[in-house]
N, C-alpha and C. Protein backbone atom coordinates (compact mmCIF):
# COMPACT_ATOMS: atom_id res chain seq x y z
N MET A 1 4.48 2.05 15.21
CA MET A 1 4.55 3.55 15.01
C MET A 1 5.51 3.70 13.75
N SER A 2 5.04 4.78 13.04
CA SER A 2 5.77 5.01 11.73
C SER A 2 6.97 6.11 12.26
N LYS A 3 8.06 5.87 11.49
CA LYS A 3 9.26 6.91 11.80
C LYS A 3 9.33 7.92 10.58
N HIS A 4 9.42 8.93 11.00
CA HIS A 4 9.39 10.11 10.14
C HIS A 4 10.67 11.06 10.35
N THR A 5 11.08 11.64 9.37
CA THR A 5 12.07 12.63 9.44
C THR A 5 11.79 13.80 8.75
N TYR A 6 11.90 15.15 9.48
CA TYR A 6 11.35 16.51 8.95
C TYR A 6 12.53 17.18 8.93
N LYS A 7 12.73 18.32 7.89
CA LYS A 7 13.70 19.21 7.74
C LYS A 7 13.05 20.36 8.28
N VAL A 8 13.76 21.06 9.22
CA VAL A 8 13.30 22.30 9.86
C VAL A 8 14.15 23.45 9.33
N ILE A 9 13.63 24.46 8.78
CA ILE A 9 14.28 25.60 8.32
C ILE A 9 13.58 26.80 9.02
N GLU A 10 14.32 27.96 9.03
CA GLU A 10 13.74 29.12 9.60
C GLU A 10 13.72 30.35 8.46
N VAL A 11 12.65 30.80 8.16
CA VAL A 11 12.21 31.78 7.06
C VAL A 11 11.66 32.99 7.72
N VAL A 12 12.07 34.26 7.55
CA VAL A 12 11.67 35.44 7.84
C VAL A 12 10.86 36.34 6.70
N GLY A 13 9.56 36.64 6.82
CA GLY A 13 9.01 37.45 5.79
C GLY A 13 8.71 38.94 6.38
N THR A 14 8.59 39.63 5.52
CA THR A 14 8.26 41.12 6.00
C THR A 14 7.08 41.59 5.05
N SER A 15 6.37 42.60 5.46
CA SER A 15 5.38 43.34 4.91
C SER A 15 4.98 44.65 5.71
N ALA A 16 4.66 45.64 4.91
CA ALA A 16 4.34 46.74 5.47
C ALA A 16 2.85 46.81 5.84
N GLU A 17 2.26 45.92 5.28
CA GLU A 17 0.74 45.78 5.42
C GLU A 17 0.14 45.13 6.71
N SER A 18 0.64 43.90 6.91
CA SER A 18 0.25 42.96 7.91
C SER A 18 1.08 41.89 8.16
N ILE A 19 1.08 41.13 9.41
CA ILE A 19 1.80 40.01 9.69
C ILE A 19 1.18 38.85 8.73
N ASP A 20 0.03 38.90 8.35
CA ASP A 20 -0.48 37.85 7.38
C ASP A 20 0.23 37.88 6.06
N ASP A 21 0.54 39.10 5.55
CA ASP A 21 1.10 39.28 4.37
C ASP A 21 2.59 38.95 4.49
N ALA A 22 3.12 39.13 5.68
CA ALA A 22 4.61 38.79 5.81
C ALA A 22 4.69 37.24 5.75
N ILE A 23 3.81 36.59 6.37
CA ILE A 23 3.79 35.09 6.46
C ILE A 23 3.54 34.59 4.96
N ARG A 24 2.71 35.14 4.36
CA ARG A 24 2.47 34.66 2.98
C ARG A 24 3.66 34.85 2.03
N ASN A 25 4.33 35.99 2.26
CA ASN A 25 5.58 36.38 1.47
C ASN A 25 6.60 35.31 1.79
N ALA A 26 6.84 35.15 3.07
CA ALA A 26 7.99 34.08 3.54
C ALA A 26 7.66 32.73 2.81
N ILE A 27 6.46 32.38 2.96
CA ILE A 27 6.20 30.88 2.32
C ILE A 27 6.20 30.97 0.71
N ALA A 28 5.89 32.21 0.27
CA ALA A 28 5.88 32.04 -1.35
C ALA A 28 7.48 31.99 -1.74
N ASP A 29 8.29 32.83 -1.05
CA ASP A 29 9.66 32.76 -1.38
C ASP A 29 10.37 31.49 -1.22
N ALA A 30 9.90 30.83 -0.07
CA ALA A 30 10.61 29.62 0.41
C ALA A 30 10.12 28.61 -0.71
N SER A 31 8.89 28.62 -1.13
CA SER A 31 8.33 27.46 -1.92
C SER A 31 8.99 27.46 -3.50
N ARG A 32 9.73 28.63 -3.67
CA ARG A 32 10.40 28.71 -5.08
C ARG A 32 11.51 27.70 -5.04
N THR A 33 12.06 27.44 -3.78
CA THR A 33 13.18 26.55 -3.91
C THR A 33 13.07 25.23 -3.01
N LEU A 34 12.09 25.31 -2.15
CA LEU A 34 11.91 24.09 -1.40
C LEU A 34 10.44 23.56 -1.91
N HIS A 35 10.37 22.26 -2.19
CA HIS A 35 9.20 21.79 -2.82
C HIS A 35 8.40 20.89 -1.74
N ASN A 36 7.21 20.72 -2.00
CA ASN A 36 6.29 19.92 -1.22
C ASN A 36 6.31 20.24 0.18
N ILE A 37 6.16 21.78 0.51
CA ILE A 37 5.95 22.24 1.82
C ILE A 37 4.71 21.74 2.39
N GLY A 38 4.56 21.09 3.47
CA GLY A 38 3.30 20.33 3.87
C GLY A 38 2.87 21.10 4.97
N TRP A 39 3.62 21.85 5.75
CA TRP A 39 3.05 22.72 6.92
C TRP A 39 4.08 23.69 7.45
N PHE A 40 3.72 24.50 8.21
CA PHE A 40 4.68 25.52 8.58
C PHE A 40 4.04 26.02 10.13
N GLU A 41 4.92 26.50 10.98
CA GLU A 41 4.73 27.10 12.15
C GLU A 41 5.11 28.66 12.29
N VAL A 42 4.29 29.32 13.08
CA VAL A 42 4.31 30.90 13.20
C VAL A 42 4.70 31.06 14.70
């Protein structure tokens, strides 16, 4: 079995339009300083 280590952070996004836009905004902001974001949870 391969051993992996993951960094977990919490990011909160907002949008007046939809939850989908809020998620996209949060990921876009996080990706400016965090590189190689491979997955996320909602």
